Every structure is written in C-alpha cells, then in structure tokens.
Amino acid sequence: MEKQRLGNVETVSKAILRAAEATRPKNLYIAGADARMAGVLARFPAGLRDRLITRMFGLNQAAGAP
C-alpha cells in the first residue's frame, strides 16, 4: 500500500457533488484515472487481474517471487 498514490481530492469531491445533486443518480461514479483503471481491471478474468495488480504494486518483489 505504501506505493499507492492518493487520488485528487477535488476530482472526488466533484463526483460526490454531481451524485448528490443528480435528479436520477447513477449506481456508480468514476472519479479519476485510478478509478477508471479499476473499472477496466474488473472486467478481466480473476487470474489475469491478480497478476496485473501484483505487478502494479510490486508485490511479486516483496514476496521474493521471480
């Protein structure tokens, strides 16, 4: 988690405000590039998604895996 970047507070605040003011709110609001990436990753098969996340966060190096 220490390698994870925090999102822009202003971007998230605007998404929350849009949701709160909407007459017909959506089930999901995407706020920022990281959230879009999570949406894309959610569509991948579980094994591929796990390998990508492991690589993105450098977890394979932390565990001593090749």
Protein backbone atom coordinates (compact mmCIF):
# COMPACT_ATOMS: atom_id res chain seq x y z
CA MET A 1 0.00 0.00 0.00
CA GLU A 2 2.90 2.39 0.56
CA LYS A 3 3.48 2.58 -3.23
CA GLN A 4 -0.15 3.54 -3.86
CA ARG A 5 -0.75 7.10 -4.97
CA LEU A 6 -3.64 9.04 -3.48
CA GLY A 7 -6.24 10.50 -5.81
CA ASN A 8 -7.02 14.15 -6.29
CA VAL A 9 -9.43 15.31 -3.58
CA GLU A 10 -11.01 17.91 -5.87
CA THR A 11 -11.85 15.29 -8.52
CA VAL A 12 -13.53 13.04 -5.97
CA SER A 13 -15.37 15.99 -4.37
CA LYS A 14 -16.81 16.99 -7.75
CA ALA A 15 -18.03 13.43 -8.38
CA ILE A 16 -19.71 13.34 -4.95
CA LEU A 17 -21.36 16.70 -5.60
CA ARG A 18 -22.60 15.53 -9.03
CA ALA A 19 -24.09 12.43 -7.41
CA ALA A 20 -25.72 14.40 -4.60
CA GLU A 21 -27.28 16.95 -6.96
CA ALA A 22 -28.43 14.49 -9.64
CA THR A 23 -32.17 14.04 -10.08
CA ARG A 24 -31.56 10.50 -11.26
CA PRO A 25 -28.23 9.44 -9.69
CA LYS A 26 -26.19 6.67 -11.27
CA ASN A 27 -25.26 3.49 -9.40
CA LEU A 28 -21.57 4.24 -9.92
CA TYR A 29 -19.49 7.38 -10.38
CA ILE A 30 -15.91 7.13 -11.64
CA ALA A 31 -13.55 9.73 -10.16
CA GLY A 32 -10.07 9.91 -11.63
CA ALA A 33 -7.74 7.75 -13.67
CA ASP A 34 -7.20 5.20 -10.89
CA ALA A 35 -10.92 4.53 -10.65
CA ARG A 36 -11.16 4.08 -14.42
CA MET A 37 -8.30 1.57 -14.25
CA ALA A 38 -10.11 -0.34 -11.51
CA GLY A 39 -13.19 -0.48 -13.74
CA VAL A 40 -11.14 -1.89 -16.60
CA LEU A 41 -9.42 -4.43 -14.34
CA ALA A 42 -12.78 -5.62 -13.01
CA ARG A 43 -13.62 -6.92 -16.49
CA PHE A 44 -10.52 -9.14 -16.70
CA PRO A 45 -10.51 -12.80 -15.67
CA ALA A 46 -9.55 -13.17 -11.99
CA GLY A 47 -6.14 -14.79 -12.60
CA LEU A 48 -5.01 -12.16 -15.09
CA ARG A 49 -6.34 -9.36 -12.89
CA ASP A 50 -4.45 -10.73 -9.86
CA ARG A 51 -1.19 -10.96 -11.82
CA LEU A 52 -1.57 -7.38 -13.10
CA ILE A 53 -2.34 -6.00 -9.64
CA THR A 54 0.56 -7.94 -8.14
CA ARG A 55 2.89 -6.46 -10.76
CA MET A 56 1.47 -2.92 -10.47
CA PHE A 57 2.05 -2.79 -6.72
CA GLY A 58 5.37 -4.62 -6.83
CA LEU A 59 4.05 -7.40 -4.62
CA ASN A 60 5.93 -10.09 -6.53
CA GLN A 61 9.22 -8.47 -5.48
CA ALA A 62 8.13 -8.04 -1.87
CA ALA A 63 7.30 -11.73 -1.56
CA GLY A 64 10.57 -12.81 -3.16
CA ALA A 65 8.82 -14.25 -6.23
CA PRO A 66 10.60 -14.12 -9.61
